[in-house]
Amino acid sequence: MFIDLPKLQPLCEEFVRESSTIGNWSNNGKVITQSWLKEGLKYRCITRDLNWGTPVPLEHMKEKVFYVWFDAPIGYPSITANYTSEWEKWWKNPEDVKLYQFMGKDNIPFHTVIFPCSLIGTNEPWTMLHHVSTTEYLNYENGKFSKSRNAGVFGNNVMDTDIPVSIWRYYLLSNRPENNDSVFTWKDFITKNNSELLANVGNFCNRVIKFIDSDKYNGIIPPFSLEGESEKQLIEDINKLIDAYIDALESVKLRNGLEIAMKISQRGNLYLQESKLDNSLYHNERAQSDTLVTVAVNLIYLLSAVFYPYIPTTSESICQQLNAPLPRIPETFQINILEGHVISKPEYLFKKIDPKMEEIYRQKYGGGSKEEPPKRRRSKKEKKAETKPQQESDLRDCLE
């Protein structure tokens, strides 16, 4: 069974032209999709002779199943339909709903051509793709991820390391291959935990919360003033960073958004350094100390909001320590934790990873060898096949 993509190509081209412009698709999403359209869409086989998969609901084809990348995207609305009987509020509401999809670049055509054509062909008012966020490849140490060669760290390995999930999320998102291929290395992984998460975010939050929890304040937020020049400059700088952060997320520049969130924390550290938060400030300039800790604790509260899309368990820990509910991402810096509020006990958000663990992890997860396995010499027929257009190759494989 085939889907008649050539018949749908004019409507698909119209959809791609509008959606890729308005939705600001990622560059490789545009390039790969346009290469398919320029080549001309071919009939696409959507069935397979396999003993697993979604059966074709026709008596004369009951022994066949649907091809996974025809079937899987249809699973998106069907999963929603299993969740709620009101699923059409999302999937058949193009006026009010925008569909964002995230994937590696090898899955682009299934979501920008085949799935949209499947929807277009029904002549029903489906919610169509608005933005596609696609990545290049993430490589591992000196080569590629490969389960067969035990090269790389995978989901079960992540659990075995006992390294908290926030560190994995932070590293992978800060290293997200949005425009170019990127590389996972244990050295960089450990450095980002120790020098960025721990030294920047962890130390800032712990220093302030411990200071308030000490016998100086007994965990109670003191009165404050925002009239000082340091506070005015801080608020101005933070508001600019919030604007940039929101713009980054609206544009689906996830890595850039995380970088800006880290800059907010860095600006908080600078505020503490410039104001010299210590025992001397508390005893000699009490009003300034009061303002400093109150503004800083509200900046930490802001961090819980901007980090939540990236490292939610860290944000939850921050809010637990502040004894405050998770906040929404604000448009401007707000003082929400006010005088008299009682915080909870401080806890460490991150722990140092011993740099010596780099070599242990590399050996355990196949990153110790720089040698790639020997490659089989390709025949002339195989080399010639590599020059064939992708769709023709896929179609030939299906027919075979």
Foldseek 3Di string as FASTA:
>chain_A
DWDAQQVCLVVLVVVCVVQCVQLVAADLLNVVQVVCSVVGPDTGAFKDQDPDAAADPDPVRRNIHTDCLLPVVVVVLVVLCVVDVVSCVAFQCQPPHADEEEEESVSSCSQSRNNVSVVVVVVGRTNHHRYYQYFYAEAEQQGRDDVVLLADADDVNVVVVPADPLLVLLVCLLQTRRPHYGYDALLVSQCCQVVQVCVQLQVLLQVLLVVCCDPLNVQFQAAADCPDPLNVVLQVVVLVLLVVLVVCVSSPVRNVNSVSLSVLSVSLVVSCVVLVADPCCCVPVVRSNSHNSQLSLLSLLLSLASCCVRRVVLSVLSCQQQVHDNDHNDSGRDRDRHGGRGGHHDDGSGDRDPSVCSVVVCVSRVNPDNDDPDDDDDDPVVVVLVPDDPSVNSRVVRVD
